[in-house]
Amino acid sequence: MTANAPAAVTDHLKNLYSQYRNTGPIDDRAVFFSPECMQICKPNPSYAATNRNTIVRYLHEAAKDMDAVAASKGLYTIRPLRQDETTFETDEVVAPTGMTSSMLRQRAIAEEWVGMRVDLWWPGDEGLLVKVQYWWRREGKEWVQILHDIMYMGPCDGTEGKDGDVLE
């Protein structure tokens, strides 16, 4: 696990995230996730997942709920995690994955995960902001997402675009 991955790696992960984001059909996005990809969601623990198929199902459900918002792709920033951002949520939050925070950390170190912070938002009268730490690991020659740590889902709070170049 590192917050100081080489620039070539973080640039590659930024490119992969852009490809993921711009992949049209939701089912086609599954190739960007490890089959073991997990998800934790601090604001809504019921969105926890222990595998790729569950995350894809959640993406389908979210797409139905966000039809009006999804007409616009929204905006995002992406950057490597800072050293002070490499801790995982509490045991209570990560419990639905079947792991403890310590277990996640040990696995992340052993598998050399690299974390990226993504803020996504859809501006407007009812603007939505989602803050996520995406964790990636190598599987063979490919980098894939292994953990989505959704830290915030709610109204835009004024922090949008403060953490890097604003992308579409």
N, C-alpha and C. Protein backbone atom coordinates (compact mmCIF):
# COMPACT_ATOMS: atom_id res chain seq x y z
N MET A 1 0.86 -1.17 0.00
CA MET A 1 0.00 0.00 0.00
C MET A 1 0.90 1.22 0.00
N THR A 2 0.58 2.15 -0.88
CA THR A 2 1.43 3.33 -0.94
C THR A 2 0.64 4.59 -1.28
N ALA A 3 1.10 5.67 -0.72
CA ALA A 3 0.59 6.98 -1.09
C ALA A 3 1.62 7.68 -1.96
N ASN A 4 2.75 7.03 -2.19
CA ASN A 4 3.84 7.63 -2.95
C ASN A 4 4.19 6.77 -4.16
N ALA A 5 3.21 6.34 -4.91
CA ALA A 5 3.47 5.54 -6.10
C ALA A 5 4.18 6.39 -7.14
N PRO A 6 4.98 5.77 -7.99
CA PRO A 6 5.65 6.53 -9.05
C PRO A 6 4.63 7.25 -9.94
N ALA A 7 5.03 8.39 -10.46
CA ALA A 7 4.15 9.19 -11.31
C ALA A 7 3.64 8.38 -12.50
N ALA A 8 4.46 7.50 -13.04
CA ALA A 8 4.02 6.69 -14.18
C ALA A 8 2.82 5.81 -13.79
N VAL A 9 2.82 5.31 -12.56
CA VAL A 9 1.71 4.47 -12.09
C VAL A 9 0.47 5.32 -11.88
N THR A 10 0.60 6.44 -11.17
CA THR A 10 -0.60 7.26 -10.91
C THR A 10 -1.14 7.85 -12.21
N ASP A 11 -0.28 8.21 -13.15
CA ASP A 11 -0.76 8.69 -14.45
C ASP A 11 -1.53 7.59 -15.17
N HIS A 12 -1.03 6.36 -15.09
CA HIS A 12 -1.72 5.22 -15.71
C HIS A 12 -3.08 4.99 -15.05
N LEU A 13 -3.14 5.08 -13.73
CA LEU A 13 -4.41 4.89 -13.02
C LEU A 13 -5.40 6.00 -13.37
N LYS A 14 -4.92 7.22 -13.52
CA LYS A 14 -5.79 8.31 -13.96
C LYS A 14 -6.37 8.01 -15.33
N ASN A 15 -5.54 7.50 -16.22
CA ASN A 15 -6.01 7.15 -17.56
C ASN A 15 -7.02 6.01 -17.50
N LEU A 16 -6.75 4.99 -16.69
CA LEU A 16 -7.70 3.89 -16.54
C LEU A 16 -9.03 4.38 -15.97
N TYR A 17 -8.96 5.29 -15.00
CA TYR A 17 -10.20 5.82 -14.43
C TYR A 17 -11.00 6.57 -15.49
N SER A 18 -10.32 7.34 -16.32
CA SER A 18 -11.00 8.05 -17.41
C SER A 18 -11.66 7.06 -18.36
N GLN A 19 -10.96 5.98 -18.70
CA GLN A 19 -11.54 4.96 -19.57
C GLN A 19 -12.77 4.34 -18.90
N TYR A 20 -12.64 4.01 -17.63
CA TYR A 20 -13.76 3.44 -16.87
C TYR A 20 -14.95 4.38 -16.89
N ARG A 21 -14.70 5.63 -16.60
CA ARG A 21 -15.76 6.63 -16.53
C ARG A 21 -16.45 6.83 -17.87
N ASN A 22 -15.70 6.69 -18.95
CA ASN A 22 -16.25 6.93 -20.28
C ASN A 22 -16.71 5.66 -20.98
N THR A 23 -16.72 4.54 -20.26
CA THR A 23 -17.26 3.30 -20.81
C THR A 23 -18.77 3.36 -20.67
N GLY A 24 -19.47 3.26 -21.79
CA GLY A 24 -20.91 3.45 -21.80
C GLY A 24 -21.70 2.43 -21.00
N PRO A 25 -21.87 1.23 -21.52
CA PRO A 25 -22.71 0.25 -20.81
C PRO A 25 -22.11 -0.14 -19.46
N ILE A 26 -22.94 -0.14 -18.45
CA ILE A 26 -22.48 -0.44 -17.10
C ILE A 26 -21.80 -1.80 -17.03
N ASP A 27 -22.38 -2.81 -17.68
CA ASP A 27 -21.79 -4.15 -17.62
C ASP A 27 -20.36 -4.17 -18.17
N ASP A 28 -20.07 -3.30 -19.13
CA ASP A 28 -18.72 -3.24 -19.71
C ASP A 28 -17.70 -2.66 -18.73
N ARG A 29 -18.16 -1.98 -17.71
CA ARG A 29 -17.25 -1.39 -16.72
C ARG A 29 -16.66 -2.45 -15.79
N ALA A 30 -17.26 -3.62 -15.75
CA ALA A 30 -16.80 -4.68 -14.84
C ALA A 30 -15.35 -5.06 -15.09
N VAL A 31 -14.85 -4.91 -16.31
CA VAL A 31 -13.46 -5.30 -16.60
C VAL A 31 -12.46 -4.45 -15.81
N PHE A 32 -12.88 -3.31 -15.30
CA PHE A 32 -11.99 -2.45 -14.53
C PHE A 32 -11.90 -2.88 -13.07
N PHE A 33 -12.76 -3.82 -12.65
CA PHE A 33 -12.80 -4.29 -11.26
C PHE A 33 -12.20 -5.68 -11.16
N SER A 34 -11.45 -5.92 -10.11
CA SER A 34 -11.05 -7.28 -9.78
C SER A 34 -12.32 -8.07 -9.48
N PRO A 35 -12.35 -9.38 -9.77
CA PRO A 35 -13.51 -10.17 -9.35
C PRO A 35 -13.74 -10.07 -7.84
N GLU A 36 -12.66 -9.80 -7.08
CA GLU A 36 -12.73 -9.68 -5.62
C GLU A 36 -12.94 -8.25 -5.16
N CYS A 37 -13.23 -7.33 -6.07
CA CYS A 37 -13.37 -5.92 -5.71
C CYS A 37 -14.42 -5.75 -4.61
N MET A 38 -14.06 -4.98 -3.61
CA MET A 38 -14.95 -4.73 -2.48
C MET A 38 -15.39 -3.27 -2.49
N GLN A 39 -16.43 -3.01 -1.75
CA GLN A 39 -16.89 -1.62 -1.61
C GLN A 39 -17.38 -1.40 -0.19
N ILE A 40 -16.96 -0.28 0.38
CA ILE A 40 -17.50 0.16 1.66
C ILE A 40 -18.07 1.55 1.45
N CYS A 41 -19.10 1.85 2.21
CA CYS A 41 -19.81 3.11 2.02
C CYS A 41 -20.16 3.69 3.38
N LYS A 42 -19.32 4.61 3.83
CA LYS A 42 -19.53 5.21 5.16
C LYS A 42 -20.91 5.85 5.29
N PRO A 43 -21.39 6.64 4.28
CA PRO A 43 -22.69 7.27 4.46
C PRO A 43 -23.87 6.31 4.34
N ASN A 44 -23.68 5.15 3.72
CA ASN A 44 -24.78 4.21 3.55
C ASN A 44 -24.20 2.79 3.55
N PRO A 45 -23.97 2.21 4.74
CA PRO A 45 -23.31 0.91 4.84
C PRO A 45 -23.97 -0.20 4.04
N SER A 46 -25.26 -0.07 3.69
CA SER A 46 -25.91 -1.13 2.93
C SER A 46 -25.37 -1.22 1.50
N TYR A 47 -24.57 -0.25 1.07
CA TYR A 47 -23.95 -0.32 -0.25
C TYR A 47 -22.61 -1.04 -0.22
N ALA A 48 -22.33 -1.76 0.84
CA ALA A 48 -21.10 -2.55 0.91
C ALA A 48 -21.20 -3.70 -0.08
N ALA A 49 -20.04 -4.12 -0.58
CA ALA A 49 -20.01 -5.23 -1.52
C ALA A 49 -18.73 -6.02 -1.30
N THR A 50 -18.79 -7.30 -1.65
CA THR A 50 -17.62 -8.16 -1.51
C THR A 50 -17.15 -8.72 -2.85
N ASN A 51 -17.78 -8.28 -3.95
CA ASN A 51 -17.35 -8.78 -5.25
C ASN A 51 -17.81 -7.84 -6.37
N ARG A 52 -17.21 -8.04 -7.52
CA ARG A 52 -17.47 -7.23 -8.71
C ARG A 52 -18.95 -7.26 -9.11
N ASN A 53 -19.57 -8.44 -9.09
CA ASN A 53 -20.96 -8.54 -9.55
C ASN A 53 -21.91 -7.68 -8.72
N THR A 54 -21.68 -7.63 -7.42
CA THR A 54 -22.53 -6.80 -6.56
C THR A 54 -22.33 -5.33 -6.88
N ILE A 55 -21.10 -4.92 -7.12
CA ILE A 55 -20.84 -3.51 -7.45
C ILE A 55 -21.52 -3.15 -8.76
N VAL A 56 -21.45 -4.03 -9.76
CA VAL A 56 -22.12 -3.77 -11.04
C VAL A 56 -23.63 -3.64 -10.82
N ARG A 57 -24.20 -4.49 -9.97
CA ARG A 57 -25.63 -4.39 -9.67
C ARG A 57 -25.96 -3.05 -9.03
N TYR A 58 -25.12 -2.60 -8.09
CA TYR A 58 -25.33 -1.30 -7.46
C TYR A 58 -25.24 -0.17 -8.49
N LEU A 59 -24.33 -0.28 -9.44
CA LEU A 59 -24.22 0.75 -10.49
C LEU A 59 -25.51 0.81 -11.31
N HIS A 60 -26.08 -0.35 -11.62
CA HIS A 60 -27.36 -0.38 -12.34
C HIS A 60 -28.46 0.29 -11.52
N GLU A 61 -28.52 -0.04 -10.23
CA GLU A 61 -29.54 0.55 -9.36
C GLU A 61 -29.36 2.05 -9.25
N ALA A 62 -28.14 2.51 -9.09
CA ALA A 62 -27.87 3.95 -8.98
C ALA A 62 -28.22 4.67 -10.27
N ALA A 63 -27.98 4.02 -11.41
CA ALA A 63 -28.30 4.66 -12.69
C ALA A 63 -29.80 4.91 -12.81
N LYS A 64 -30.62 3.98 -12.31
CA LYS A 64 -32.07 4.18 -12.34
C LYS A 64 -32.47 5.36 -11.47
N ASP A 65 -31.84 5.47 -10.30
CA ASP A 65 -32.17 6.54 -9.36
C ASP A 65 -31.67 7.90 -9.83
N MET A 66 -30.69 7.91 -10.71
CA MET A 66 -30.05 9.17 -11.09
C MET A 66 -30.32 9.56 -12.54
N ASP A 67 -31.42 9.07 -13.14
CA ASP A 67 -31.66 9.35 -14.55
C ASP A 67 -31.53 10.82 -14.90
N ALA A 68 -32.13 11.69 -14.12
CA ALA A 68 -32.07 13.13 -14.44
C ALA A 68 -30.65 13.65 -14.29
N VAL A 69 -29.98 13.26 -13.24
CA VAL A 69 -28.62 13.72 -13.00
C VAL A 69 -27.67 13.10 -14.02
N ALA A 70 -27.91 11.83 -14.36
CA ALA A 70 -27.00 11.11 -15.25
C ALA A 70 -27.04 11.62 -16.68
N ALA A 71 -28.03 12.42 -17.02
CA ALA A 71 -28.06 12.99 -18.36
C ALA A 71 -26.79 13.80 -18.59
N SER A 72 -26.24 14.33 -17.51
CA SER A 72 -24.96 15.02 -17.54
C SER A 72 -23.93 14.11 -16.88
N LYS A 73 -22.76 13.97 -17.49
CA LYS A 73 -21.73 13.12 -16.89
C LYS A 73 -21.16 13.73 -15.63
N GLY A 74 -21.36 15.00 -15.44
CA GLY A 74 -20.79 15.64 -14.27
C GLY A 74 -19.31 15.90 -14.45
N LEU A 75 -18.68 16.26 -13.36
CA LEU A 75 -17.27 16.64 -13.35
C LEU A 75 -16.55 15.82 -12.28
N TYR A 76 -15.22 15.79 -12.38
CA TYR A 76 -14.47 15.08 -11.34
C TYR A 76 -13.04 15.58 -11.26
N THR A 77 -12.42 15.29 -10.13
CA THR A 77 -10.98 15.45 -9.94
C THR A 77 -10.45 14.09 -9.50
N ILE A 78 -9.19 13.85 -9.81
CA ILE A 78 -8.53 12.61 -9.38
C ILE A 78 -7.08 12.93 -9.04
N ARG A 79 -6.63 12.35 -7.93
CA ARG A 79 -5.24 12.57 -7.50
C ARG A 79 -4.81 11.40 -6.62
N PRO A 80 -3.50 11.20 -6.49
CA PRO A 80 -3.02 10.16 -5.57
C PRO A 80 -3.40 10.52 -4.13
N LEU A 81 -3.59 9.50 -3.31
CA LEU A 81 -3.86 9.75 -1.90
C LEU A 81 -2.63 10.35 -1.23
N ARG A 82 -2.89 11.22 -0.27
CA ARG A 82 -1.82 11.73 0.58
C ARG A 82 -1.56 10.70 1.68
N GLN A 83 -0.40 10.78 2.29
CA GLN A 83 -0.03 9.81 3.32
C GLN A 83 -1.07 9.75 4.44
N ASP A 84 -1.65 10.89 4.81
CA ASP A 84 -2.63 10.91 5.91
C ASP A 84 -4.00 10.36 5.50
N GLU A 85 -4.13 9.94 4.25
CA GLU A 85 -5.40 9.40 3.76
C GLU A 85 -5.36 7.89 3.54
N THR A 86 -4.31 7.24 3.99
CA THR A 86 -4.16 5.82 3.68
C THR A 86 -4.68 4.89 4.78
N THR A 87 -5.46 5.42 5.70
CA THR A 87 -6.09 4.56 6.70
C THR A 87 -7.48 4.17 6.20
N PHE A 88 -7.94 3.03 6.64
CA PHE A 88 -9.26 2.57 6.24
C PHE A 88 -10.29 2.98 7.29
N GLU A 89 -11.54 2.84 6.94
CA GLU A 89 -12.62 3.20 7.85
C GLU A 89 -12.57 2.32 9.10
N THR A 90 -13.45 2.60 10.04
CA THR A 90 -13.52 1.84 11.29
C THR A 90 -13.96 0.40 11.02
N ASP A 91 -13.71 -0.47 11.98
CA ASP A 91 -14.13 -1.86 11.85
C ASP A 91 -15.63 -1.95 11.58
N GLU A 92 -16.40 -1.09 12.21
CA GLU A 92 -17.85 -1.10 12.02
C GLU A 92 -18.22 -0.83 10.57
N VAL A 93 -17.55 0.12 9.93
CA VAL A 93 -17.86 0.47 8.54
C VAL A 93 -17.41 -0.62 7.58
N VAL A 94 -16.24 -1.22 7.82
CA VAL A 94 -15.72 -2.23 6.89
C VAL A 94 -16.27 -3.63 7.17
N ALA A 95 -16.96 -3.84 8.27
CA ALA A 95 -17.46 -5.16 8.65
C ALA A 95 -18.25 -5.87 7.54
N PRO A 96 -19.09 -5.18 6.76
CA PRO A 96 -19.83 -5.89 5.71
C PRO A 96 -18.95 -6.56 4.65
N THR A 97 -17.67 -6.19 4.58
CA THR A 97 -16.76 -6.85 3.64
C THR A 97 -16.23 -8.16 4.21
N GLY A 98 -16.53 -8.42 5.50
CA GLY A 98 -16.01 -9.61 6.15
C GLY A 98 -14.60 -9.44 6.68
N MET A 99 -14.14 -8.19 6.71
CA MET A 99 -12.78 -7.91 7.16
C MET A 99 -12.82 -6.83 8.24
N THR A 100 -11.71 -6.69 8.94
CA THR A 100 -11.53 -5.56 9.86
C THR A 100 -10.67 -4.53 9.15
N SER A 101 -10.60 -3.36 9.73
CA SER A 101 -9.74 -2.31 9.17
C SER A 101 -8.29 -2.78 9.12
N SER A 102 -7.85 -3.44 10.17
CA SER A 102 -6.48 -3.95 10.22
C SER A 102 -6.23 -5.00 9.14
N MET A 103 -7.20 -5.87 8.93
CA MET A 103 -7.06 -6.89 7.88
C MET A 103 -6.96 -6.24 6.50
N LEU A 104 -7.78 -5.22 6.26
CA LEU A 104 -7.70 -4.51 4.98
C LEU A 104 -6.33 -3.90 4.80
N ARG A 105 -5.84 -3.26 5.84
CA ARG A 105 -4.52 -2.62 5.76
C ARG A 105 -3.43 -3.65 5.47
N GLN A 106 -3.46 -4.77 6.17
CA GLN A 106 -2.46 -5.81 5.94
C GLN A 106 -2.53 -6.33 4.50
N ARG A 107 -3.73 -6.52 4.01
CA ARG A 107 -3.90 -6.99 2.63
C ARG A 107 -3.39 -5.94 1.64
N ALA A 108 -3.71 -4.68 1.89
CA ALA A 108 -3.27 -3.60 1.01
C ALA A 108 -1.75 -3.52 0.94
N ILE A 109 -1.11 -3.70 2.07
CA ILE A 109 0.36 -3.68 2.10
C ILE A 109 0.93 -4.88 1.35
N ALA A 110 0.40 -6.07 1.65
CA ALA A 110 0.91 -7.29 1.02
C ALA A 110 0.72 -7.27 -0.49
N GLU A 111 -0.40 -6.71 -0.95
CA GLU A 111 -0.71 -6.71 -2.38
C GLU A 111 -0.30 -5.42 -3.08
N GLU A 112 0.32 -4.51 -2.33
CA GLU A 112 0.84 -3.25 -2.87
C GLU A 112 -0.23 -2.41 -3.57
N TRP A 113 -1.34 -2.21 -2.87
CA TRP A 113 -2.41 -1.39 -3.42
C TRP A 113 -1.95 0.06 -3.56
N VAL A 114 -2.52 0.74 -4.54
CA VAL A 114 -2.27 2.16 -4.75
C VAL A 114 -3.63 2.86 -4.68
N GLY A 115 -3.71 3.91 -3.87
CA GLY A 115 -4.97 4.62 -3.67
C GLY A 115 -5.02 5.93 -4.44
N MET A 116 -6.21 6.22 -4.98
CA MET A 116 -6.47 7.47 -5.69
C MET A 116 -7.75 8.07 -5.13
N ARG A 117 -7.75 9.38 -4.94
CA ARG A 117 -8.93 10.09 -4.43
C ARG A 117 -9.67 10.69 -5.62
N VAL A 118 -10.96 10.40 -5.70
CA VAL A 118 -11.81 10.93 -6.76
C VAL A 118 -12.98 11.65 -6.12
N ASP A 119 -13.19 12.89 -6.52
CA ASP A 119 -14.39 13.64 -6.16
C ASP A 119 -15.20 13.80 -7.44
N LEU A 120 -16.47 13.37 -7.41
CA LEU A 120 -17.36 13.50 -8.56
C LEU A 120 -18.50 14.41 -8.15
N TRP A 121 -18.93 15.27 -9.06
CA TRP A 121 -20.07 16.10 -8.72
C TRP A 121 -20.84 16.50 -9.95
N TRP A 122 -22.12 16.75 -9.70
CA TRP A 122 -23.05 17.20 -10.72
C TRP A 122 -23.60 18.53 -10.22
N PRO A 123 -23.10 19.64 -10.78
CA PRO A 123 -23.55 20.94 -10.29
C PRO A 123 -25.02 21.20 -10.65
N GLY A 124 -25.57 22.17 -10.01
CA GLY A 124 -26.95 22.55 -10.29
C GLY A 124 -27.70 22.79 -9.00
N ASP A 125 -28.99 23.03 -9.15
CA ASP A 125 -29.82 23.33 -7.99
C ASP A 125 -29.78 22.23 -6.94
N GLU A 126 -29.77 20.99 -7.39
CA GLU A 126 -29.72 19.87 -6.45
C GLU A 126 -28.42 19.11 -6.65
N GLY A 127 -27.31 19.84 -6.65
CA GLY A 127 -26.00 19.25 -6.94
C GLY A 127 -25.66 18.10 -6.01
N LEU A 128 -25.08 17.07 -6.58
CA LEU A 128 -24.66 15.89 -5.84
C LEU A 128 -23.14 15.81 -5.85
N LEU A 129 -22.55 15.47 -4.73
CA LEU A 129 -21.11 15.30 -4.59
C LEU A 129 -20.84 13.92 -4.00
N VAL A 130 -19.89 13.19 -4.61
CA VAL A 130 -19.48 11.88 -4.12
C VAL A 130 -17.97 11.90 -3.99
N LYS A 131 -17.47 11.54 -2.80
CA LYS A 131 -16.03 11.48 -2.54
C LYS A 131 -15.65 10.02 -2.31
N VAL A 132 -14.70 9.53 -3.11
CA VAL A 132 -14.34 8.11 -3.08
C VAL A 132 -12.83 7.95 -3.08
N GLN A 133 -12.36 6.98 -2.31
CA GLN A 133 -10.98 6.52 -2.44
C GLN A 133 -11.04 5.21 -3.22
N TYR A 134 -10.48 5.24 -4.42
CA TYR A 134 -10.38 4.03 -5.23
C TYR A 134 -9.02 3.41 -4.97
N TRP A 135 -9.01 2.14 -4.63
CA TRP A 135 -7.76 1.41 -4.41
C TRP A 135 -7.58 0.44 -5.57
N TRP A 136 -6.36 0.38 -6.08
CA TRP A 136 -6.02 -0.44 -7.24
C TRP A 136 -4.91 -1.42 -6.86
N ARG A 137 -4.88 -2.56 -7.54
CA ARG A 137 -3.77 -3.49 -7.41
C ARG A 137 -3.50 -4.12 -8.78
N ARG A 138 -2.31 -4.67 -8.91
CA ARG A 138 -1.96 -5.37 -10.15
C ARG A 138 -2.48 -6.80 -10.08
N GLU A 139 -3.10 -7.22 -11.17
CA GLU A 139 -3.47 -8.62 -11.35
C GLU A 139 -2.86 -9.02 -12.69
N GLY A 140 -1.82 -9.82 -12.63
CA GLY A 140 -1.06 -10.12 -13.84
C GLY A 140 -0.38 -8.84 -14.29
N LYS A 141 -0.64 -8.44 -15.52
CA LYS A 141 -0.02 -7.22 -16.06
C LYS A 141 -0.93 -6.01 -15.97
N GLU A 142 -2.14 -6.20 -15.47
CA GLU A 142 -3.15 -5.13 -15.46
C GLU A 142 -3.38 -4.57 -14.06
N TRP A 143 -3.67 -3.28 -14.00
CA TRP A 143 -4.12 -2.64 -12.77
C TRP A 143 -5.65 -2.68 -12.76
N VAL A 144 -6.23 -3.13 -11.65
CA VAL A 144 -7.68 -3.19 -11.51
C VAL A 144 -8.09 -2.61 -10.16
N GLN A 145 -9.32 -2.18 -10.09
CA GLN A 145 -9.85 -1.65 -8.84
C GLN A 145 -10.12 -2.82 -7.88
N ILE A 146 -9.66 -2.66 -6.64
CA ILE A 146 -9.83 -3.71 -5.64
C ILE A 146 -10.72 -3.25 -4.47
N LEU A 147 -10.82 -1.93 -4.25
CA LEU A 147 -11.67 -1.43 -3.17
C LEU A 147 -12.17 -0.03 -3.51
N HIS A 148 -13.47 0.16 -3.33
CA HIS A 148 -14.08 1.48 -3.41
C HIS A 148 -14.45 1.88 -1.98
N ASP A 149 -13.86 2.94 -1.49
CA ASP A 149 -14.18 3.46 -0.15
C ASP A 149 -14.95 4.76 -0.36
N ILE A 150 -16.28 4.65 -0.34
CA ILE A 150 -17.14 5.82 -0.54
C ILE A 150 -17.25 6.54 0.79
N MET A 151 -16.66 7.72 0.84
CA MET A 151 -16.56 8.46 2.10
C MET A 151 -17.69 9.46 2.28
N TYR A 152 -18.25 9.96 1.17
CA TYR A 152 -19.28 11.00 1.26
C TYR A 152 -20.17 10.91 0.03
N MET A 153 -21.47 10.99 0.26
CA MET A 153 -22.47 11.13 -0.81
C MET A 153 -23.49 12.12 -0.28
N GLY A 154 -23.60 13.25 -0.95
CA GLY A 154 -24.55 14.24 -0.48
C GLY A 154 -24.50 15.49 -1.33
N PRO A 155 -25.05 16.56 -0.81
CA PRO A 155 -25.07 17.80 -1.59
C PRO A 155 -23.67 18.37 -1.78
N CYS A 156 -23.51 19.10 -2.86
CA CYS A 156 -22.24 19.80 -3.09
C CYS A 156 -21.96 20.66 -1.86
N ASP A 157 -20.69 20.68 -1.44
CA ASP A 157 -20.35 21.36 -0.19
C ASP A 157 -19.31 22.46 -0.34
N GLY A 158 -19.02 22.83 -1.59
CA GLY A 158 -18.06 23.90 -1.82
C GLY A 158 -16.64 23.42 -2.01
N THR A 159 -16.39 22.11 -1.82
CA THR A 159 -15.03 21.59 -2.00
C THR A 159 -14.80 21.08 -3.42
N GLU A 160 -15.84 21.08 -4.25
CA GLU A 160 -15.71 20.54 -5.60
C GLU A 160 -14.63 21.30 -6.38
N GLY A 161 -13.75 20.54 -7.02
CA GLY A 161 -12.73 21.13 -7.87
C GLY A 161 -11.53 21.69 -7.15
N LYS A 162 -11.47 21.55 -5.84
CA LYS A 162 -10.36 22.13 -5.06
C LYS A 162 -9.14 21.22 -5.04
N ASP A 163 -9.30 19.97 -5.48
CA ASP A 163 -8.22 18.99 -5.33
C ASP A 163 -7.57 18.58 -6.64
N GLY A 164 -7.53 19.47 -7.62
CA GLY A 164 -6.87 19.11 -8.87
C GLY A 164 -7.59 19.65 -10.07
N ASP A 165 -7.10 19.23 -11.23
CA ASP A 165 -7.71 19.67 -12.47
C ASP A 165 -9.11 19.10 -12.58
N VAL A 166 -10.06 19.94 -12.97
CA VAL A 166 -11.45 19.52 -13.15
C VAL A 166 -11.57 18.86 -14.52
N LEU A 167 -12.07 17.64 -14.53
CA LEU A 167 -12.20 16.84 -15.75
C LEU A 167 -13.65 16.47 -15.97
N GLU A 168 -13.96 16.08 -17.21
CA GLU A 168 -15.33 15.62 -17.51
C GLU A 168 -15.36 14.14 -17.77
